Amino acid sequence: MHTPHPFKRSLHTRGFTLIELLVVVVIISISVGYVVVNISTGSAEEQLEEEIIRLQQVLRFAHEQSVVRSEEYGVRFYETGYRFMLYDELNDSWVDVAKDKLLRSRMLPEQVELDLYIEQSPVTLLESPKDDPKAKNENLASAASNIKDPNQPVVDPILPNVFLLSSSELIPPFEVRLRIPGNKIEETLQGLPQGEYNRVLDDE
């Protein structure tokens, strides 16, 4: 099955030099590292705030990586976490980001749940990556050799929910809400088309 390419547009028109972008990536990576290692075990409100800030910083870092490397990144969300993916042009598929500790798959604290809204509509999420279809991208070797088993069910490829494009754009716009069931406290992060990731504060 051919993977759609919403990101195949003008990818190389940019107003920044490579040096400038690399400096930005270094600054963001330091900030992300600081957020990741400075996790406290405070109240439910503090935990939600820490998790939403971590998500915001890691998304910004991933998008900067996409721009600097001219590669297309994506994020797949679950009720209990999220994972970053990279478009593999050679095999026309999405694979997990490898060899980058900051962009590893992340699980939320046990009591925290994630809701995703795309263009203000709720998205039905799987509970965790283990619930993804079994015919994953790691079956590329079989696909490449054109080995087909007519008895095998056709499984849709695993795709990101949102795409962090090397053109610095984001599609589609989204909103992530972190909450603790039975608790009215909620943290919200918006992803905007121009590639900005903004927290929504209570008084907004």
C-alpha atoms as a PDB file:
ATOM      1  CA  MET A   1       0.000   0.000   0.000  1.00  0.00           C
ATOM      2  CA  HIS A   2       1.414   3.354  -1.012  1.00  0.00           C
ATOM      3  CA  THR A   3       1.944   5.777   1.865  1.00  0.00           C
ATOM      4  CA  PRO A   4       0.489   9.257   1.243  1.00  0.00           C
ATOM      5  CA  HIS A   5       2.993  12.073   1.101  1.00  0.00           C
ATOM      6  CA  PRO A   6       1.334  15.235   2.439  1.00  0.00           C
ATOM      7  CA  PHE A   7       4.778  16.665   3.006  1.00  0.00           C
ATOM      8  CA  LYS A   8       6.031  16.496  -0.591  1.00  0.00           C
ATOM      9  CA  ARG A   9       5.941  20.177  -1.307  1.00  0.00           C
ATOM     10  CA  SER A  10       8.588  22.835  -1.541  1.00  0.00           C
ATOM     11  CA  LEU A  11      10.926  21.577   1.158  1.00  0.00           C
ATOM     12  CA  HIS A  12      14.079  23.536   0.495  1.00  0.00           C
ATOM     13  CA  THR A  13      13.029  27.192   0.618  1.00  0.00           C
ATOM     14  CA  ARG A  14      14.381  28.505   3.893  1.00  0.00           C
ATOM     15  CA  GLY A  15      15.623  31.799   5.243  1.00  0.00           C
ATOM     16  CA  PHE A  16      18.187  30.452   7.732  1.00  0.00           C
ATOM     17  CA  THR A  17      21.733  29.237   7.334  1.00  0.00           C
ATOM     18  CA  LEU A  18      22.733  25.763   8.468  1.00  0.00           C
ATOM     19  CA  ILE A  19      24.937  27.238  11.211  1.00  0.00           C
ATOM     20  CA  GLU A  20      22.009  29.222  12.627  1.00  0.00           C
ATOM     21  CA  LEU A  21      19.777  26.170  12.624  1.00  0.00           C
ATOM     22  CA  LEU A  22      22.430  24.016  14.277  1.00  0.00           C
ATOM     23  CA  VAL A  23      22.821  26.599  17.044  1.00  0.00           C
ATOM     24  CA  VAL A  24      19.067  26.545  17.600  1.00  0.00           C
ATOM     25  CA  VAL A  25      19.078  22.732  17.747  1.00  0.00           C
ATOM     26  CA  VAL A  26      21.866  22.753  20.348  1.00  0.00           C
ATOM     27  CA  ILE A  27      19.991  25.269  22.500  1.00  0.00           C
ATOM     28  CA  ILE A  28      16.760  23.304  22.251  1.00  0.00           C
ATOM     29  CA  SER A  29      18.499  19.992  23.002  1.00  0.00           C
ATOM     30  CA  ILE A  30      20.004  21.482  26.159  1.00  0.00           C
ATOM     31  CA  SER A  31      16.590  22.790  27.201  1.00  0.00           C
ATOM     32  CA  VAL A  32      14.937  19.440  26.497  1.00  0.00           C
ATOM     33  CA  GLY A  33      17.624  17.607  28.440  1.00  0.00           C
ATOM     34  CA  TYR A  34      17.080  19.916  31.398  1.00  0.00           C
ATOM     35  CA  VAL A  35      13.330  19.313  31.364  1.00  0.00           C
ATOM     36  CA  VAL A  36      13.744  15.551  30.984  1.00  0.00           C
ATOM     37  CA  VAL A  37      16.147  15.075  33.889  1.00  0.00           C
ATOM     38  CA  ASN A  38      14.456  17.504  36.273  1.00  0.00           C
ATOM     39  CA  ILE A  39      11.304  15.539  36.994  1.00  0.00           C
ATOM     40  CA  SER A  40       9.954  15.766  40.508  1.00  0.00           C
ATOM     41  CA  THR A  41       7.328  13.695  42.258  1.00  0.00           C
ATOM     42  CA  GLY A  42       4.985  16.510  43.256  1.00  0.00           C
ATOM     43  CA  SER A  43       1.243  16.978  43.162  1.00  0.00           C
ATOM     44  CA  ALA A  44      -1.005  15.878  40.298  1.00  0.00           C
ATOM     45  CA  GLU A  45      -1.045  19.456  39.022  1.00  0.00           C
ATOM     46  CA  GLU A  46       2.761  19.627  39.036  1.00  0.00           C
ATOM     47  CA  GLN A  47       3.059  16.280  37.255  1.00  0.00           C
ATOM     48  CA  LEU A  48       0.721  17.374  34.470  1.00  0.00           C
ATOM     49  CA  GLU A  49       2.605  20.631  34.052  1.00  0.00           C
ATOM     50  CA  GLU A  50       5.942  18.812  33.877  1.00  0.00           C
ATOM     51  CA  GLU A  51       4.645  16.370  31.272  1.00  0.00           C
ATOM     52  CA  ILE A  52       3.129  19.063  29.034  1.00  0.00           C
ATOM     53  CA  ILE A  53       6.337  21.133  29.177  1.00  0.00           C
ATOM     54  CA  ARG A  54       8.386  18.041  28.321  1.00  0.00           C
ATOM     55  CA  LEU A  55       6.107  17.299  25.350  1.00  0.00           C
ATOM     56  CA  GLN A  56       6.335  20.907  24.159  1.00  0.00           C
ATOM     57  CA  GLN A  57      10.141  20.935  24.314  1.00  0.00           C
ATOM     58  CA  VAL A  58      10.580  17.543  22.664  1.00  0.00           C
ATOM     59  CA  LEU A  59       8.207  18.474  19.826  1.00  0.00           C
ATOM     60  CA  ARG A  60      10.149  21.671  19.212  1.00  0.00           C
ATOM     61  CA  PHE A  61      13.416  19.745  19.190  1.00  0.00           C
ATOM     62  CA  ALA A  62      12.066  17.091  16.791  1.00  0.00           C
ATOM     63  CA  HIS A  63      10.801  19.766  14.414  1.00  0.00           C
ATOM     64  CA  GLU A  64      14.158  21.548  14.437  1.00  0.00           C
ATOM     65  CA  GLN A  65      15.825  18.223  13.644  1.00  0.00           C
ATOM     66  CA  SER A  66      13.442  17.788  10.728  1.00  0.00           C
ATOM     67  CA  VAL A  67      14.343  21.202   9.303  1.00  0.00           C
ATOM     68  CA  VAL A  68      18.113  20.890   9.809  1.00  0.00           C
ATOM     69  CA  ARG A  69      18.313  17.363   8.391  1.00  0.00           C
ATOM     70  CA  SER A  70      15.746  17.931   5.612  1.00  0.00           C
ATOM     71  CA  GLU A  71      13.902  14.833   6.799  1.00  0.00           C
ATOM     72  CA  GLU A  72      10.233  14.354   7.560  1.00  0.00           C
ATOM     73  CA  TYR A  73       9.314  13.513  11.151  1.00  0.00           C
ATOM     74  CA  GLY A  74       5.988  12.520  12.654  1.00  0.00           C
ATOM     75  CA  VAL A  75       4.386  11.821  16.010  1.00  0.00           C
ATOM     76  CA  ARG A  76       2.046   8.970  16.826  1.00  0.00           C
ATOM     77  CA  PHE A  77       0.044   9.479  20.019  1.00  0.00           C
ATOM     78  CA  TYR A  78      -1.465   6.926  22.392  1.00  0.00           C
ATOM     79  CA  GLU A  79      -3.661   7.201  25.475  1.00  0.00           C
ATOM     80  CA  THR A  80      -0.591   6.500  27.614  1.00  0.00           C
ATOM     81  CA  GLY A  81       2.247   8.137  25.662  1.00  0.00           C
ATOM     82  CA  TYR A  82       3.708   8.982  22.265  1.00  0.00           C
ATOM     83  CA  ARG A  83       6.454   8.007  19.842  1.00  0.00           C
ATOM     84  CA  PHE A  84       8.429   9.841  17.159  1.00  0.00           C
ATOM     85  CA  MET A  85       8.687   8.477  13.631  1.00  0.00           C
ATOM     86  CA  LEU A  86      10.851   9.223  10.598  1.00  0.00           C
ATOM     87  CA  TYR A  87       9.932   8.866   6.930  1.00  0.00           C
ATOM     88  CA  ASP A  88      12.149   6.312   5.193  1.00  0.00           C
ATOM     89  CA  GLU A  89      12.226   7.373   1.532  1.00  0.00           C
ATOM     90  CA  LEU A  90      14.056   4.254   0.403  1.00  0.00           C
ATOM     91  CA  ASN A  91      11.340   1.913   1.661  1.00  0.00           C
ATOM     92  CA  ASP A  92       8.439   4.377   1.406  1.00  0.00           C
ATOM     93  CA  SER A  93       7.458   3.816   5.036  1.00  0.00           C
ATOM     94  CA  TRP A  94       7.440   5.375   8.505  1.00  0.00           C
ATOM     95  CA  VAL A  95       9.855   3.943  11.062  1.00  0.00           C
ATOM     96  CA  ASP A  96      10.698   4.760  14.675  1.00  0.00           C
ATOM     97  CA  VAL A  97      13.399   7.364  15.238  1.00  0.00           C
ATOM     98  CA  ALA A  98      16.537   5.453  16.200  1.00  0.00           C
ATOM     99  CA  LYS A  99      19.763   6.481  17.955  1.00  0.00           C
ATOM    100  CA  ASP A 100      18.286   9.612  19.516  1.00  0.00           C
ATOM    101  CA  LYS A 101      17.592   9.341  23.239  1.00  0.00           C
ATOM    102  CA  LEU A 102      15.585  12.568  23.320  1.00  0.00           C
ATOM    103  CA  LEU A 103      13.185  11.271  20.656  1.00  0.00           C
ATOM    104  CA  ARG A 104      12.645   7.833  22.133  1.00  0.00           C
ATOM    105  CA  SER A 105       9.147   6.510  22.776  1.00  0.00           C
ATOM    106  CA  ARG A 106       7.730   7.933  25.995  1.00  0.00           C
ATOM    107  CA  MET A 107       5.144   6.630  28.425  1.00  0.00           C
ATOM    108  CA  LEU A 108       3.209   9.002  30.660  1.00  0.00           C
ATOM    109  CA  PRO A 109       2.980   8.464  34.438  1.00  0.00           C
ATOM    110  CA  GLU A 110       0.507   5.716  35.242  1.00  0.00           C
ATOM    111  CA  GLN A 111      -2.360   8.005  36.297  1.00  0.00           C
ATOM    112  CA  VAL A 112      -2.015  10.455  33.371  1.00  0.00           C
ATOM    113  CA  GLU A 113      -4.085  10.026  30.194  1.00  0.00           C
ATOM    114  CA  LEU A 114      -3.701  11.752  26.820  1.00  0.00           C
ATOM    115  CA  ASP A 115      -6.455  13.029  24.531  1.00  0.00           C
ATOM    116  CA  LEU A 116      -5.756  14.147  20.956  1.00  0.00           C
ATOM    117  CA  TYR A 117      -7.848  16.576  18.914  1.00  0.00           C
ATOM    118  CA  ILE A 118      -7.148  17.223  15.241  1.00  0.00           C
ATOM    119  CA  GLU A 119      -8.794  20.312  13.826  1.00  0.00           C
ATOM    120  CA  GLN A 120     -10.925  20.361  17.005  1.00  0.00           C
ATOM    121  CA  SER A 121     -12.254  16.818  16.472  1.00  0.00           C
ATOM    122  CA  PRO A 122     -11.386  14.058  18.994  1.00  0.00           C
ATOM    123  CA  VAL A 123      -9.182  11.245  17.707  1.00  0.00           C
ATOM    124  CA  THR A 124      -9.645   7.667  18.857  1.00  0.00           C
ATOM    125  CA  LEU A 125      -6.272   6.497  20.153  1.00  0.00           C
ATOM    126  CA  LEU A 126      -4.877   3.090  20.948  1.00  0.00           C
ATOM    127  CA  GLU A 127      -3.840   2.566  24.543  1.00  0.00           C
ATOM    128  CA  SER A 128      -0.134   2.009  23.817  1.00  0.00           C
ATOM    129  CA  PRO A 129       2.291   0.962  21.022  1.00  0.00           C
ATOM    130  CA  LYS A 130       1.765  -2.706  21.881  1.00  0.00           C
ATOM    131  CA  ASP A 131      -1.762  -2.348  20.482  1.00  0.00           C
ATOM    132  CA  ASP A 132      -0.519  -1.341  17.015  1.00  0.00           C
ATOM    133  CA  PRO A 133      -1.124  -3.847  14.190  1.00  0.00           C
ATOM    134  CA  LYS A 134       1.355  -6.723  14.189  1.00  0.00           C
ATOM    135  CA  ALA A 135       2.261  -6.312  10.509  1.00  0.00           C
ATOM    136  CA  LYS A 136       4.556  -3.396  11.235  1.00  0.00           C
ATOM    137  CA  ASN A 137       7.207  -1.578   9.294  1.00  0.00           C
ATOM    138  CA  GLU A 138       9.771  -4.168  10.357  1.00  0.00           C
ATOM    139  CA  ASN A 139       8.283  -6.470   7.694  1.00  0.00           C
ATOM    140  CA  LEU A 140      10.005  -4.353   5.029  1.00  0.00           C
ATOM    141  CA  ALA A 141      12.401  -7.139   4.065  1.00  0.00           C
ATOM    142  CA  SER A 142       9.502  -9.400   3.167  1.00  0.00           C
ATOM    143  CA  ALA A 143       7.773  -6.624   1.251  1.00  0.00           C
ATOM    144  CA  ALA A 144      10.944  -5.724  -0.631  1.00  0.00           C
ATOM    145  CA  SER A 145      11.348  -9.279  -1.863  1.00  0.00           C
ATOM    146  CA  ASN A 146       7.727  -9.288  -3.077  1.00  0.00           C
ATOM    147  CA  ILE A 147       6.847 -12.258  -0.901  1.00  0.00           C
ATOM    148  CA  LYS A 148       3.080 -12.243  -0.598  1.00  0.00           C
ATOM    149  CA  ASP A 149       0.925 -14.615   1.355  1.00  0.00           C
ATOM    150  CA  PRO A 150      -2.687 -14.501   0.108  1.00  0.00           C
ATOM    151  CA  ASN A 151      -3.822 -15.888   3.447  1.00  0.00           C
ATOM    152  CA  GLN A 152      -2.341 -12.978   5.374  1.00  0.00           C
ATOM    153  CA  PRO A 153      -4.785 -10.153   6.189  1.00  0.00           C
ATOM    154  CA  VAL A 154      -3.953  -6.749   4.743  1.00  0.00           C
ATOM    155  CA  VAL A 155      -2.928  -4.385   7.523  1.00  0.00           C
ATOM    156  CA  ASP A 156      -2.725  -0.628   7.122  1.00  0.00           C
ATOM    157  CA  PRO A 157       0.743   0.806   7.735  1.00  0.00           C
ATOM    158  CA  ILE A 158       1.438   2.505  11.039  1.00  0.00           C
ATOM    159  CA  LEU A 159       1.423   6.253  10.392  1.00  0.00           C
ATOM    160  CA  PRO A 160       1.981   9.339  12.555  1.00  0.00           C
ATOM    161  CA  ASN A 161      -1.031  11.367  13.667  1.00  0.00           C
ATOM    162  CA  VAL A 162       0.787  14.603  12.866  1.00  0.00           C
ATOM    163  CA  PHE A 163       3.651  15.432  10.511  1.00  0.00           C
ATOM    164  CA  LEU A 164       6.589  17.715  11.413  1.00  0.00           C
ATOM    165  CA  LEU A 165       7.763  18.825   7.986  1.00  0.00           C
ATOM    166  CA  SER A 166      11.248  19.896   6.947  1.00  0.00           C
ATOM    167  CA  SER A 167       9.633  22.995   5.415  1.00  0.00           C
ATOM    168  CA  SER A 168       9.023  24.004   9.100  1.00  0.00           C
ATOM    169  CA  GLU A 169       5.274  23.466   8.680  1.00  0.00           C
ATOM    170  CA  LEU A 170       3.069  21.213  10.772  1.00  0.00           C
ATOM    171  CA  ILE A 171       0.103  19.244   9.427  1.00  0.00           C
ATOM    172  CA  PRO A 172      -2.559  18.872  10.565  1.00  0.00           C
ATOM    173  CA  PRO A 173      -3.034  21.378  13.425  1.00  0.00           C
ATOM    174  CA  PHE A 174      -3.659  19.519  16.672  1.00  0.00           C
ATOM    175  CA  GLU A 175      -4.312  19.833  20.370  1.00  0.00           C
ATOM    176  CA  VAL A 176      -3.091  17.460  23.081  1.00  0.00           C
ATOM    177  CA  ARG A 177      -4.753  17.415  26.477  1.00  0.00           C
ATOM    178  CA  LEU A 178      -3.225  15.669  29.478  1.00  0.00           C
ATOM    179  CA  ARG A 179      -5.513  14.831  32.377  1.00  0.00           C
ATOM    180  CA  ILE A 180      -5.918  12.619  35.399  1.00  0.00           C
ATOM    181  CA  PRO A 181      -9.261  10.769  35.436  1.00  0.00           C
ATOM    182  CA  GLY A 182     -11.476  12.024  38.257  1.00  0.00           C
ATOM    183  CA  ASN A 183      -9.437  15.215  38.527  1.00  0.00           C
ATOM    184  CA  LYS A 184     -10.544  18.509  36.959  1.00  0.00           C
ATOM    185  CA  ILE A 185      -6.940  19.611  36.402  1.00  0.00           C
ATOM    186  CA  GLU A 186      -5.951  19.543  32.731  1.00  0.00           C
ATOM    187  CA  GLU A 187      -2.968  20.714  30.659  1.00  0.00           C
ATOM    188  CA  THR A 188      -3.287  21.564  26.959  1.00  0.00           C
ATOM    189  CA  LEU A 189      -0.728  21.976  24.175  1.00  0.00           C
ATOM    190  CA  GLN A 190      -1.566  23.282  20.707  1.00  0.00           C
ATOM    191  CA  GLY A 191       0.392  22.495  17.531  1.00  0.00           C
ATOM    192  CA  LEU A 192      -0.066  25.252  14.945  1.00  0.00           C
ATOM    193  CA  PRO A 193       0.391  25.060  11.141  1.00  0.00           C
ATOM    194  CA  GLN A 194       3.475  27.311  11.186  1.00  0.00           C
ATOM    195  CA  GLY A 195       5.266  24.826  13.432  1.00  0.00           C
ATOM    196  CA  GLU A 196       4.638  26.453  16.808  1.00  0.00           C
ATOM    197  CA  TYR A 197       3.802  24.513  19.985  1.00  0.00           C
ATOM    198  CA  ASN A 198       2.017  26.591  22.592  1.00  0.00           C
ATOM    199  CA  ARG A 199       0.630  25.764  25.991  1.00  0.00           C
ATOM    200  CA  VAL A 200      -2.944  26.859  26.628  1.00  0.00           C
ATOM    201  CA  LEU A 201      -3.048  28.464  30.054  1.00  0.00           C
ATOM    202  CA  ASP A 202      -6.129  28.456  32.313  1.00  0.00           C
ATOM    203  CA  ASP A 203      -6.870  32.136  31.829  1.00  0.00           C
ATOM    204  CA  GLU A 204      -6.844  31.925  28.013  1.00  0.00           C
END
